[in-house]
Amino acid sequence: DGGRFILEKNIKTIEISIGSNLQTINFDA
């Protein structure tokens, strides 16, 4: 009908943890 509506869509994401600070950086990641 031309009206706009908001839709929430489930998605998959990839998370790569490289560390929380310079002392805990994982250089392989």
mmCIF file of all heavy atoms, coordinates in Angstrom:
data_MODEL
# 
_entry.id   MODEL 
# 
loop_
_atom_site.group_PDB 
_atom_site.id 
_atom_site.type_symbol 
_atom_site.label_atom_id 
_atom_site.label_alt_id 
_atom_site.label_comp_id 
_atom_site.label_asym_id 
_atom_site.label_entity_id 
_atom_site.label_seq_id 
_atom_site.pdbx_PDB_ins_code 
_atom_site.Cartn_x 
_atom_site.Cartn_y 
_atom_site.Cartn_z 
_atom_site.occupancy 
_atom_site.B_iso_or_equiv 
_atom_site.pdbx_formal_charge 
_atom_site.auth_seq_id 
_atom_site.auth_comp_id 
_atom_site.auth_asym_id 
_atom_site.auth_atom_id 
_atom_site.pdbx_PDB_model_num 
ATOM 1   N N   . ASP A 1 1  ? 0.815  -1.214  0.000  1.00 0.00 ? 1  ASP A N   1 
ATOM 2   C CA  . ASP A 1 1  ? 0.000  0.000   0.000  1.00 0.00 ? 1  ASP A CA  1 
ATOM 3   C C   . ASP A 1 1  ? 0.852  1.268   0.000  1.00 0.00 ? 1  ASP A C   1 
ATOM 4   O O   . ASP A 1 1  ? 0.330  2.377   0.066  1.00 0.00 ? 1  ASP A O   1 
ATOM 5   C CB  . ASP A 1 1  ? -0.930 0.018   1.210  1.00 0.00 ? 1  ASP A CB  1 
ATOM 6   C CG  . ASP A 1 1  ? -0.162 -0.080  2.522  1.00 0.00 ? 1  ASP A CG  1 
ATOM 7   O OD1 . ASP A 1 1  ? 1.076  -0.301  2.473  1.00 0.00 ? 1  ASP A OD1 1 
ATOM 8   O OD2 . ASP A 1 1  ? -0.793 0.055   3.589  1.00 0.00 ? 1  ASP A OD2 1 
ATOM 9   N N   . GLY A 1 2  ? 2.178  1.107   -0.092 1.00 0.00 ? 2  GLY A N   1 
ATOM 10  C CA  . GLY A 1 2  ? 3.062  2.262   -0.101 1.00 0.00 ? 2  GLY A CA  1 
ATOM 11  C C   . GLY A 1 2  ? 3.496  2.721   1.270  1.00 0.00 ? 2  GLY A C   1 
ATOM 12  O O   . GLY A 1 2  ? 4.341  3.611   1.394  1.00 0.00 ? 2  GLY A O   1 
ATOM 13  N N   . GLY A 1 3  ? 2.929  2.117   2.326  1.00 0.00 ? 3  GLY A N   1 
ATOM 14  C CA  . GLY A 1 3  ? 3.290  2.504   3.681  1.00 0.00 ? 3  GLY A CA  1 
ATOM 15  C C   . GLY A 1 3  ? 4.635  1.926   4.096  1.00 0.00 ? 3  GLY A C   1 
ATOM 16  O O   . GLY A 1 3  ? 5.039  0.854   3.615  1.00 0.00 ? 3  GLY A O   1 
ATOM 17  N N   . ARG A 1 4  ? 5.341  2.638   4.976  1.00 0.00 ? 4  ARG A N   1 
ATOM 18  C CA  . ARG A 1 4  ? 6.648  2.202   5.463  1.00 0.00 ? 4  ARG A CA  1 
ATOM 19  C C   . ARG A 1 4  ? 6.503  1.541   6.824  1.00 0.00 ? 4  ARG A C   1 
ATOM 20  O O   . ARG A 1 4  ? 5.711  1.962   7.666  1.00 0.00 ? 4  ARG A O   1 
ATOM 21  C CB  . ARG A 1 4  ? 7.598  3.403   5.580  1.00 0.00 ? 4  ARG A CB  1 
ATOM 22  C CG  . ARG A 1 4  ? 7.826  4.157   4.295  1.00 0.00 ? 4  ARG A CG  1 
ATOM 23  C CD  . ARG A 1 4  ? 8.828  3.464   3.404  1.00 0.00 ? 4  ARG A CD  1 
ATOM 24  N NE  . ARG A 1 4  ? 10.191 3.610   3.914  1.00 0.00 ? 4  ARG A NE  1 
ATOM 25  C CZ  . ARG A 1 4  ? 11.252 3.048   3.341  1.00 0.00 ? 4  ARG A CZ  1 
ATOM 26  N NH1 . ARG A 1 4  ? 11.100 2.294   2.262  1.00 0.00 ? 4  ARG A NH1 1 
ATOM 27  N NH2 . ARG A 1 4  ? 12.454 3.229   3.834  1.00 0.00 ? 4  ARG A NH2 1 
ATOM 28  N N   . PHE A 1 5  ? 7.267  0.472   7.037  1.00 0.00 ? 5  PHE A N   1 
ATOM 29  C CA  . PHE A 1 5  ? 7.254  -0.192  8.333  1.00 0.00 ? 5  PHE A CA  1 
ATOM 30  C C   . PHE A 1 5  ? 8.652  -0.722  8.637  1.00 0.00 ? 5  PHE A C   1 
ATOM 31  O O   . PHE A 1 5  ? 9.488  -0.881  7.757  1.00 0.00 ? 5  PHE A O   1 
ATOM 32  C CB  . PHE A 1 5  ? 6.218  -1.323  8.363  1.00 0.00 ? 5  PHE A CB  1 
ATOM 33  C CG  . PHE A 1 5  ? 6.487  -2.437  7.377  1.00 0.00 ? 5  PHE A CG  1 
ATOM 34  C CD1 . PHE A 1 5  ? 7.199  -3.573  7.762  1.00 0.00 ? 5  PHE A CD1 1 
ATOM 35  C CD2 . PHE A 1 5  ? 6.037  -2.347  6.067  1.00 0.00 ? 5  PHE A CD2 1 
ATOM 36  C CE1 . PHE A 1 5  ? 7.448  -4.599  6.858  1.00 0.00 ? 5  PHE A CE1 1 
ATOM 37  C CE2 . PHE A 1 5  ? 6.285  -3.367  5.159  1.00 0.00 ? 5  PHE A CE2 1 
ATOM 38  C CZ  . PHE A 1 5  ? 6.995  -4.498  5.559  1.00 0.00 ? 5  PHE A CZ  1 
ATOM 39  N N   . ILE A 1 6  ? 8.902  -0.958  9.913  1.00 0.00 ? 6  ILE A N   1 
ATOM 40  C CA  . ILE A 1 6  ? 10.204 -1.408  10.386 1.00 0.00 ? 6  ILE A CA  1 
ATOM 41  C C   . ILE A 1 6  ? 10.163 -2.922  10.616 1.00 0.00 ? 6  ILE A C   1 
ATOM 42  O O   . ILE A 1 6  ? 9.221  -3.453  11.195 1.00 0.00 ? 6  ILE A O   1 
ATOM 43  C CB  . ILE A 1 6  ? 10.601 -0.691  11.688 1.00 0.00 ? 6  ILE A CB  1 
ATOM 44  C CG1 . ILE A 1 6  ? 10.656 0.825   11.467 1.00 0.00 ? 6  ILE A CG1 1 
ATOM 45  C CG2 . ILE A 1 6  ? 11.956 -1.194  12.186 1.00 0.00 ? 6  ILE A CG2 1 
ATOM 46  C CD1 . ILE A 1 6  ? 11.660 1.254   10.415 1.00 0.00 ? 6  ILE A CD1 1 
ATOM 47  N N   . LEU A 1 7  ? 11.198 -3.593  10.131 1.00 0.00 ? 7  LEU A N   1 
ATOM 48  C CA  . LEU A 1 7  ? 11.279 -5.041  10.247 1.00 0.00 ? 7  LEU A CA  1 
ATOM 49  C C   . LEU A 1 7  ? 12.608 -5.434  10.882 1.00 0.00 ? 7  LEU A C   1 
ATOM 50  O O   . LEU A 1 7  ? 13.661 -4.945  10.481 1.00 0.00 ? 7  LEU A O   1 
ATOM 51  C CB  . LEU A 1 7  ? 11.156 -5.688  8.857  1.00 0.00 ? 7  LEU A CB  1 
ATOM 52  C CG  . LEU A 1 7  ? 11.330 -7.209  8.784  1.00 0.00 ? 7  LEU A CG  1 
ATOM 53  C CD1 . LEU A 1 7  ? 10.169 -7.911  9.477  1.00 0.00 ? 7  LEU A CD1 1 
ATOM 54  C CD2 . LEU A 1 7  ? 11.429 -7.662  7.327  1.00 0.00 ? 7  LEU A CD2 1 
ATOM 55  N N   . GLU A 1 8  ? 12.542 -6.271  11.915 1.00 0.00 ? 8  GLU A N   1 
ATOM 56  C CA  . GLU A 1 8  ? 13.751 -6.811  12.529 1.00 0.00 ? 8  GLU A CA  1 
ATOM 57  C C   . GLU A 1 8  ? 14.065 -8.168  11.900 1.00 0.00 ? 8  GLU A C   1 
ATOM 58  O O   . GLU A 1 8  ? 13.202 -9.049  11.852 1.00 0.00 ? 8  GLU A O   1 
ATOM 59  C CB  . GLU A 1 8  ? 13.594 -6.961  14.039 1.00 0.00 ? 8  GLU A CB  1 
ATOM 60  C CG  . GLU A 1 8  ? 13.576 -5.640  14.784 1.00 0.00 ? 8  GLU A CG  1 
ATOM 61  C CD  . GLU A 1 8  ? 13.595 -5.834  16.288 1.00 0.00 ? 8  GLU A CD  1 
ATOM 62  O OE1 . GLU A 1 8  ? 13.604 -7.008  16.718 1.00 0.00 ? 8  GLU A OE1 1 
ATOM 63  O OE2 . GLU A 1 8  ? 13.598 -4.828  17.022 1.00 0.00 ? 8  GLU A OE2 1 
ATOM 64  N N   . LYS A 1 9  ? 15.287 -8.318  11.424 1.00 0.00 ? 9  LYS A N   1 
ATOM 65  C CA  . LYS A 1 9  ? 15.670 -9.542  10.740 1.00 0.00 ? 9  LYS A CA  1 
ATOM 66  C C   . LYS A 1 9  ? 16.842 -10.195 11.471 1.00 0.00 ? 9  LYS A C   1 
ATOM 67  O O   . LYS A 1 9  ? 17.843 -9.542  11.783 1.00 0.00 ? 9  LYS A O   1 
ATOM 68  C CB  . LYS A 1 9  ? 16.072 -9.232  9.292  1.00 0.00 ? 9  LYS A CB  1 
ATOM 69  C CG  . LYS A 1 9  ? 16.429 -10.480 8.482  1.00 0.00 ? 9  LYS A CG  1 
ATOM 70  C CD  . LYS A 1 9  ? 16.781 -10.101 7.052  1.00 0.00 ? 9  LYS A CD  1 
ATOM 71  C CE  . LYS A 1 9  ? 17.158 -11.336 6.239  1.00 0.00 ? 9  LYS A CE  1 
ATOM 72  N NZ  . LYS A 1 9  ? 17.525 -10.975 4.848  1.00 0.00 ? 9  LYS A NZ  1 
ATOM 73  N N   . ASN A 1 10 ? 16.705 -11.492 11.762 1.00 0.00 ? 10 ASN A N   1 
ATOM 74  C CA  . ASN A 1 10 ? 17.783 -12.231 12.409 1.00 0.00 ? 10 ASN A CA  1 
ATOM 75  C C   . ASN A 1 10 ? 18.901 -12.503 11.404 1.00 0.00 ? 10 ASN A C   1 
ATOM 76  O O   . ASN A 1 10 ? 18.647 -12.905 10.265 1.00 0.00 ? 10 ASN A O   1 
ATOM 77  C CB  . ASN A 1 10 ? 17.271 -13.555 12.974 1.00 0.00 ? 10 ASN A CB  1 
ATOM 78  C CG  . ASN A 1 10 ? 16.299 -13.357 14.121 1.00 0.00 ? 10 ASN A CG  1 
ATOM 79  O OD1 . ASN A 1 10 ? 16.444 -12.423 14.892 1.00 0.00 ? 10 ASN A OD1 1 
ATOM 80  N ND2 . ASN A 1 10 ? 15.297 -14.225 14.219 1.00 0.00 ? 10 ASN A ND2 1 
ATOM 81  N N   . ILE A 1 11 ? 20.136 -12.272 11.814 1.00 0.00 ? 11 ILE A N   1 
ATOM 82  C CA  . ILE A 1 11 ? 21.278 -12.506 10.949 1.00 0.00 ? 11 ILE A CA  1 
ATOM 83  C C   . ILE A 1 11 ? 22.374 -13.215 11.731 1.00 0.00 ? 11 ILE A C   1 
ATOM 84  O O   . ILE A 1 11 ? 22.339 -13.273 12.957 1.00 0.00 ? 11 ILE A O   1 
ATOM 85  C CB  . ILE A 1 11 ? 21.846 -11.185 10.379 1.00 0.00 ? 11 ILE A CB  1 
ATOM 86  C CG1 . ILE A 1 11 ? 22.294 -10.262 11.522 1.00 0.00 ? 11 ILE A CG1 1 
ATOM 87  C CG2 . ILE A 1 11 ? 20.855 -10.491 9.480  1.00 0.00 ? 11 ILE A CG2 1 
ATOM 88  C CD1 . ILE A 1 11 ? 23.004 -9.024  11.067 1.00 0.00 ? 11 ILE A CD1 1 
ATOM 89  N N   . LYS A 1 12 ? 23.305 -13.784 11.020 1.00 0.00 ? 12 LYS A N   1 
ATOM 90  C CA  . LYS A 1 12 ? 24.469 -14.422 11.626 1.00 0.00 ? 12 LYS A CA  1 
ATOM 91  C C   . LYS A 1 12 ? 25.678 -13.510 11.438 1.00 0.00 ? 12 LYS A C   1 
ATOM 92  O O   . LYS A 1 12 ? 25.879 -12.954 10.358 1.00 0.00 ? 12 LYS A O   1 
ATOM 93  C CB  . LYS A 1 12 ? 24.740 -15.779 10.968 1.00 0.00 ? 12 LYS A CB  1 
ATOM 94  C CG  . LYS A 1 12 ? 23.714 -16.858 11.296 1.00 0.00 ? 12 LYS A CG  1 
ATOM 95  C CD  . LYS A 1 12 ? 23.917 -17.389 12.707 1.00 0.00 ? 12 LYS A CD  1 
ATOM 96  C CE  . LYS A 1 12 ? 22.987 -18.573 12.972 1.00 0.00 ? 12 LYS A CE  1 
ATOM 97  N NZ  . LYS A 1 12 ? 23.193 -19.128 14.322 1.00 0.00 ? 12 LYS A NZ  1 
ATOM 98  N N   . THR A 1 13 ? 26.457 -13.376 12.484 1.00 0.00 ? 13 THR A N   1 
ATOM 99  C CA  . THR A 1 13 ? 27.661 -12.558 12.396 1.00 0.00 ? 13 THR A CA  1 
ATOM 100 C C   . THR A 1 13 ? 28.874 -13.367 12.830 1.00 0.00 ? 13 THR A C   1 
ATOM 101 O O   . THR A 1 13 ? 28.757 -14.365 13.542 1.00 0.00 ? 13 THR A O   1 
ATOM 102 C CB  . THR A 1 13 ? 27.547 -11.307 13.285 1.00 0.00 ? 13 THR A CB  1 
ATOM 103 O OG1 . THR A 1 13 ? 27.332 -11.715 14.647 1.00 0.00 ? 13 THR A OG1 1 
ATOM 104 C CG2 . THR A 1 13 ? 26.407 -10.427 12.839 1.00 0.00 ? 13 THR A CG2 1 
ATOM 105 N N   . ILE A 1 14 ? 30.035 -12.908 12.371 1.00 0.00 ? 14 ILE A N   1 
ATOM 106 C CA  . ILE A 1 14 ? 31.298 -13.545 12.735 1.00 0.00 ? 14 ILE A CA  1 
ATOM 107 C C   . ILE A 1 14 ? 32.050 -12.607 13.667 1.00 0.00 ? 14 ILE A C   1 
ATOM 108 O O   . ILE A 1 14 ? 32.212 -11.426 13.368 1.00 0.00 ? 14 ILE A O   1 
ATOM 109 C CB  . ILE A 1 14 ? 32.154 -13.841 11.491 1.00 0.00 ? 14 ILE A CB  1 
ATOM 110 C CG1 . ILE A 1 14 ? 31.401 -14.770 10.538 1.00 0.00 ? 14 ILE A CG1 1 
ATOM 111 C CG2 . ILE A 1 14 ? 33.487 -14.449 11.882 1.00 0.00 ? 14 ILE A CG2 1 
ATOM 112 C CD1 . ILE A 1 14 ? 32.111 -14.980 9.226  1.00 0.00 ? 14 ILE A CD1 1 
ATOM 113 N N   . GLU A 1 15 ? 32.504 -13.146 14.783 1.00 0.00 ? 15 GLU A N   1 
ATOM 114 C CA  . GLU A 1 15 ? 33.248 -12.349 15.749 1.00 0.00 ? 15 GLU A CA  1 
ATOM 115 C C   . GLU A 1 15 ? 34.660 -12.900 15.873 1.00 0.00 ? 15 GLU A C   1 
ATOM 116 O O   . GLU A 1 15 ? 34.853 -14.098 16.101 1.00 0.00 ? 15 GLU A O   1 
ATOM 117 C CB  . GLU A 1 15 ? 32.558 -12.373 17.116 1.00 0.00 ? 15 GLU A CB  1 
ATOM 118 C CG  . GLU A 1 15 ? 33.291 -11.562 18.172 1.00 0.00 ? 15 GLU A CG  1 
ATOM 119 C CD  . GLU A 1 15 ? 32.624 -11.663 19.529 1.00 0.00 ? 15 GLU A CD  1 
ATOM 120 O OE1 . GLU A 1 15 ? 31.665 -10.892 19.779 1.00 0.00 ? 15 GLU A OE1 1 
ATOM 121 O OE2 . GLU A 1 15 ? 33.044 -12.512 20.335 1.00 0.00 ? 15 GLU A OE2 1 
ATOM 122 N N   . ILE A 1 16 ? 35.644 -12.008 15.715 1.00 0.00 ? 16 ILE A N   1 
ATOM 123 C CA  . ILE A 1 16 ? 37.049 -12.395 15.884 1.00 0.00 ? 16 ILE A CA  1 
ATOM 124 C C   . ILE A 1 16 ? 37.611 -11.583 17.043 1.00 0.00 ? 16 ILE A C   1 
ATOM 125 O O   . ILE A 1 16 ? 37.648 -10.354 16.998 1.00 0.00 ? 16 ILE A O   1 
ATOM 126 C CB  . ILE A 1 16 ? 37.868 -12.121 14.609 1.00 0.00 ? 16 ILE A CB  1 
ATOM 127 C CG1 . ILE A 1 16 ? 37.308 -12.926 13.441 1.00 0.00 ? 16 ILE A CG1 1 
ATOM 128 C CG2 . ILE A 1 16 ? 39.336 -12.473 14.827 1.00 0.00 ? 16 ILE A CG2 1 
ATOM 129 C CD1 . ILE A 1 16 ? 38.009 -12.657 12.114 1.00 0.00 ? 16 ILE A CD1 1 
ATOM 130 N N   . SER A 1 17 ? 38.020 -12.265 18.087 1.00 0.00 ? 17 SER A N   1 
ATOM 131 C CA  . SER A 1 17 ? 38.541 -11.592 19.271 1.00 0.00 ? 17 SER A CA  1 
ATOM 132 C C   . SER A 1 17 ? 40.057 -11.447 19.158 1.00 0.00 ? 17 SER A C   1 
ATOM 133 O O   . SER A 1 17 ? 40.781 -12.441 19.087 1.00 0.00 ? 17 SER A O   1 
ATOM 134 C CB  . SER A 1 17 ? 38.179 -12.385 20.535 1.00 0.00 ? 17 SER A CB  1 
ATOM 135 O OG  . SER A 1 17 ? 38.737 -11.793 21.678 1.00 0.00 ? 17 SER A OG  1 
ATOM 136 N N   . ILE A 1 18 ? 40.516 -10.191 19.132 1.00 0.00 ? 18 ILE A N   1 
ATOM 137 C CA  . ILE A 1 18 ? 41.963 -9.959  19.025 1.00 0.00 ? 18 ILE A CA  1 
ATOM 138 C C   . ILE A 1 18 ? 42.559 -9.471  20.338 1.00 0.00 ? 18 ILE A C   1 
ATOM 139 O O   . ILE A 1 18 ? 43.754 -9.208  20.421 1.00 0.00 ? 18 ILE A O   1 
ATOM 140 C CB  . ILE A 1 18 ? 42.267 -8.926  17.918 1.00 0.00 ? 18 ILE A CB  1 
ATOM 141 C CG1 . ILE A 1 18 ? 41.603 -7.586  18.230 1.00 0.00 ? 18 ILE A CG1 1 
ATOM 142 C CG2 . ILE A 1 18 ? 41.827 -9.440  16.567 1.00 0.00 ? 18 ILE A CG2 1 
ATOM 143 C CD1 . ILE A 1 18 ? 41.990 -6.490  17.253 1.00 0.00 ? 18 ILE A CD1 1 
ATOM 144 N N   . GLY A 1 19 ? 41.742 -9.364  21.380 1.00 0.00 ? 19 GLY A N   1 
ATOM 145 C CA  . GLY A 1 19 ? 42.227 -8.925  22.684 1.00 0.00 ? 19 GLY A CA  1 
ATOM 146 C C   . GLY A 1 19 ? 41.613 -7.605  23.081 1.00 0.00 ? 19 GLY A C   1 
ATOM 147 O O   . GLY A 1 19 ? 41.191 -6.813  22.229 1.00 0.00 ? 19 GLY A O   1 
ATOM 148 N N   . SER A 1 20 ? 41.589 -7.347  24.393 1.00 0.00 ? 20 SER A N   1 
ATOM 149 C CA  . SER A 1 20 ? 40.945 -6.140  24.909 1.00 0.00 ? 20 SER A CA  1 
ATOM 150 C C   . SER A 1 20 ? 41.891 -4.963  25.020 1.00 0.00 ? 20 SER A C   1 
ATOM 151 O O   . SER A 1 20 ? 41.461 -3.821  25.149 1.00 0.00 ? 20 SER A O   1 
ATOM 152 C CB  . SER A 1 20 ? 40.332 -6.421  26.289 1.00 0.00 ? 20 SER A CB  1 
ATOM 153 O OG  . SER A 1 20 ? 41.342 -6.893  27.185 1.00 0.00 ? 20 SER A OG  1 
ATOM 154 N N   . ASN A 1 21 ? 43.204 -5.192  24.976 1.00 0.00 ? 21 ASN A N   1 
ATOM 155 C CA  . ASN A 1 21 ? 44.173 -4.093  25.051 1.00 0.00 ? 21 ASN A CA  1 
ATOM 156 C C   . ASN A 1 21 ? 45.485 -4.552  24.430 1.00 0.00 ? 21 ASN A C   1 
ATOM 157 O O   . ASN A 1 21 ? 45.615 -5.699  23.971 1.00 0.00 ? 21 ASN A O   1 
ATOM 158 C CB  . ASN A 1 21 ? 44.377 -3.634  26.503 1.00 0.00 ? 21 ASN A CB  1 
ATOM 159 C CG  . ASN A 1 21 ? 44.720 -4.803  27.420 1.00 0.00 ? 21 ASN A CG  1 
ATOM 160 O OD1 . ASN A 1 21 ? 45.687 -5.536  27.182 1.00 0.00 ? 21 ASN A OD1 1 
ATOM 161 N ND2 . ASN A 1 21 ? 43.922 -4.988  28.467 1.00 0.00 ? 21 ASN A ND2 1 
ATOM 162 N N   . LEU A 1 22 ? 46.478 -3.661  24.430 1.00 0.00 ? 22 LEU A N   1 
ATOM 163 C CA  . LEU A 1 22 ? 47.754 -3.962  23.784 1.00 0.00 ? 22 LEU A CA  1 
ATOM 164 C C   . LEU A 1 22 ? 48.469 -5.131  24.439 1.00 0.00 ? 22 LEU A C   1 
ATOM 165 O O   . LEU A 1 22 ? 49.235 -5.851  23.784 1.00 0.00 ? 22 LEU A O   1 
ATOM 166 C CB  . LEU A 1 22 ? 48.657 -2.713  23.817 1.00 0.00 ? 22 LEU A CB  1 
ATOM 167 C CG  . LEU A 1 22 ? 48.217 -1.541  22.932 1.00 0.00 ? 22 LEU A CG  1 
ATOM 168 C CD1 . LEU A 1 22 ? 49.123 -0.342  23.158 1.00 0.00 ? 22 LEU A CD1 1 
ATOM 169 C CD2 . LEU A 1 22 ? 48.212 -1.936  21.467 1.00 0.00 ? 22 LEU A CD2 1 
ATOM 170 N N   . GLN A 1 23 ? 48.228 -5.350  25.733 1.00 0.00 ? 23 GLN A N   1 
ATOM 171 C CA  . GLN A 1 23 ? 48.919 -6.430  26.440 1.00 0.00 ? 23 GLN A CA  1 
ATOM 172 C C   . GLN A 1 23 ? 48.317 -7.797  26.148 1.00 0.00 ? 23 GLN A C   1 
ATOM 173 O O   . GLN A 1 23 ? 48.970 -8.819  26.356 1.00 0.00 ? 23 GLN A O   1 
ATOM 174 C CB  . GLN A 1 23 ? 48.892 -6.172  27.959 1.00 0.00 ? 23 GLN A CB  1 
ATOM 175 C CG  . GLN A 1 23 ? 49.843 -5.071  28.434 1.00 0.00 ? 23 GLN A CG  1 
ATOM 176 C CD  . GLN A 1 23 ? 49.392 -3.685  28.017 1.00 0.00 ? 23 GLN A CD  1 
ATOM 177 O OE1 . GLN A 1 23 ? 48.200 -3.390  28.010 1.00 0.00 ? 23 GLN A OE1 1 
ATOM 178 N NE2 . GLN A 1 23 ? 50.338 -2.830  27.650 1.00 0.00 ? 23 GLN A NE2 1 
ATOM 179 N N   . THR A 1 24 ? 47.063 -7.823  25.675 1.00 0.00 ? 24 THR A N   1 
ATOM 180 C CA  . THR A 1 24 ? 46.387 -9.108  25.468 1.00 0.00 ? 24 THR A CA  1 
ATOM 181 C C   . THR A 1 24 ? 46.107 -9.403  23.994 1.00 0.00 ? 24 THR A C   1 
ATOM 182 O O   . THR A 1 24 ? 45.296 -10.269 23.687 1.00 0.00 ? 24 THR A O   1 
ATOM 183 C CB  . THR A 1 24 ? 45.055 -9.135  26.246 1.00 0.00 ? 24 THR A CB  1 
ATOM 184 O OG1 . THR A 1 24 ? 44.200 -8.092  25.754 1.00 0.00 ? 24 THR A OG1 1 
ATOM 185 C CG2 . THR A 1 24 ? 45.289 -8.939  27.740 1.00 0.00 ? 24 THR A CG2 1 
ATOM 186 N N   . ILE A 1 25 ? 46.766 -8.700  23.082 1.00 0.00 ? 25 ILE A N   1 
ATOM 187 C CA  . ILE A 1 25 ? 46.516 -8.908  21.657 1.00 0.00 ? 25 ILE A CA  1 
ATOM 188 C C   . ILE A 1 25 ? 46.957 -10.310 21.238 1.00 0.00 ? 25 ILE A C   1 
ATOM 189 O O   . ILE A 1 25 ? 48.062 -10.753 21.557 1.00 0.00 ? 25 ILE A O   1 
ATOM 190 C CB  . ILE A 1 25 ? 47.259 -7.861  20.806 1.00 0.00 ? 25 ILE A CB  1 
ATOM 191 C CG1 . ILE A 1 25 ? 46.566 -6.507  20.932 1.00 0.00 ? 25 ILE A CG1 1 
ATOM 192 C CG2 . ILE A 1 25 ? 47.304 -8.272  19.339 1.00 0.00 ? 25 ILE A CG2 1 
ATOM 193 C CD1 . ILE A 1 25 ? 47.208 -5.412  20.120 1.00 0.00 ? 25 ILE A CD1 1 
ATOM 194 N N   . ASN A 1 26 ? 46.067 -11.006 20.541 1.00 0.00 ? 26 ASN A N   1 
ATOM 195 C CA  . ASN A 1 26 ? 46.401 -12.289 19.944 1.00 0.00 ? 26 ASN A CA  1 
ATOM 196 C C   . ASN A 1 26 ? 46.791 -12.021 18.493 1.00 0.00 ? 26 ASN A C   1 
ATOM 197 O O   . ASN A 1 26 ? 45.949 -11.705 17.657 1.00 0.00 ? 26 ASN A O   1 
ATOM 198 C CB  . ASN A 1 26 ? 45.202 -13.245 20.009 1.00 0.00 ? 26 ASN A CB  1 
ATOM 199 C CG  . ASN A 1 26 ? 45.553 -14.631 19.511 1.00 0.00 ? 26 ASN A CG  1 
ATOM 200 O OD1 . ASN A 1 26 ? 45.889 -14.822 18.345 1.00 0.00 ? 26 ASN A OD1 1 
ATOM 201 N ND2 . ASN A 1 26 ? 45.477 -15.608 20.397 1.00 0.00 ? 26 ASN A ND2 1 
ATOM 202 N N   . PHE A 1 27 ? 48.078 -12.139 18.189 1.00 0.00 ? 27 PHE A N   1 
ATOM 203 C CA  . PHE A 1 27 ? 48.573 -11.731 16.880 1.00 0.00 ? 27 PHE A CA  1 
ATOM 204 C C   . PHE A 1 27 ? 48.167 -12.684 15.762 1.00 0.00 ? 27 PHE A C   1 
ATOM 205 O O   . PHE A 1 27 ? 48.104 -12.287 14.602 1.00 0.00 ? 27 PHE A O   1 
ATOM 206 C CB  . PHE A 1 27 ? 50.095 -11.571 16.931 1.00 0.00 ? 27 PHE A CB  1 
ATOM 207 C CG  . PHE A 1 27 ? 50.531 -10.373 17.721 1.00 0.00 ? 27 PHE A CG  1 
ATOM 208 C CD1 . PHE A 1 27 ? 50.905 -10.499 19.052 1.00 0.00 ? 27 PHE A CD1 1 
ATOM 209 C CD2 . PHE A 1 27 ? 50.525 -9.114  17.151 1.00 0.00 ? 27 PHE A CD2 1 
ATOM 210 C CE1 . PHE A 1 27 ? 51.289 -9.383  19.792 1.00 0.00 ? 27 PHE A CE1 1 
ATOM 211 C CE2 . PHE A 1 27 ? 50.911 -7.987  17.875 1.00 0.00 ? 27 PHE A CE2 1 
ATOM 212 C CZ  . PHE A 1 27 ? 51.289 -8.132  19.205 1.00 0.00 ? 27 PHE A CZ  1 
ATOM 213 N N   . ASP A 1 28 ? 47.864 -13.944 16.098 1.00 0.00 ? 28 ASP A N   1 
ATOM 214 C CA  . ASP A 1 28 ? 47.348 -14.860 15.072 1.00 0.00 ? 28 ASP A CA  1 
ATOM 215 C C   . ASP A 1 28 ? 45.968 -14.403 14.605 1.00 0.00 ? 28 ASP A C   1 
ATOM 216 O O   . ASP A 1 28 ? 45.674 -14.401 13.406 1.00 0.00 ? 28 ASP A O   1 
ATOM 217 C CB  . ASP A 1 28 ? 47.275 -16.285 15.634 1.00 0.00 ? 28 ASP A CB  1 
ATOM 218 C CG  . ASP A 1 28 ? 48.658 -16.894 15.830 1.00 0.00 ? 28 ASP A CG  1 
ATOM 219 O OD1 . ASP A 1 28 ? 49.596 -16.423 15.171 1.00 0.00 ? 28 ASP A OD1 1 
ATOM 220 O OD2 . ASP A 1 28 ? 48.780 -17.837 16.634 1.00 0.00 ? 28 ASP A OD2 1 
ATOM 221 N N   . ALA A 1 29 ? 45.120 -14.033 15.573 1.00 0.00 ? 29 ALA A N   1 
ATOM 222 C CA  . ALA A 1 29 ? 43.778 -13.545 15.226 1.00 0.00 ? 29 ALA A CA  1 
ATOM 223 C C   . ALA A 1 29 ? 43.872 -12.215 14.504 1.00 0.00 ? 29 ALA A C   1 
ATOM 224 O O   . ALA A 1 29 ? 43.110 -11.944 13.568 1.00 0.00 ? 29 ALA A O   1 
ATOM 225 C CB  . ALA A 1 29 ? 42.927 -13.403 16.488 1.00 0.00 ? 29 ALA A CB  1 
# 
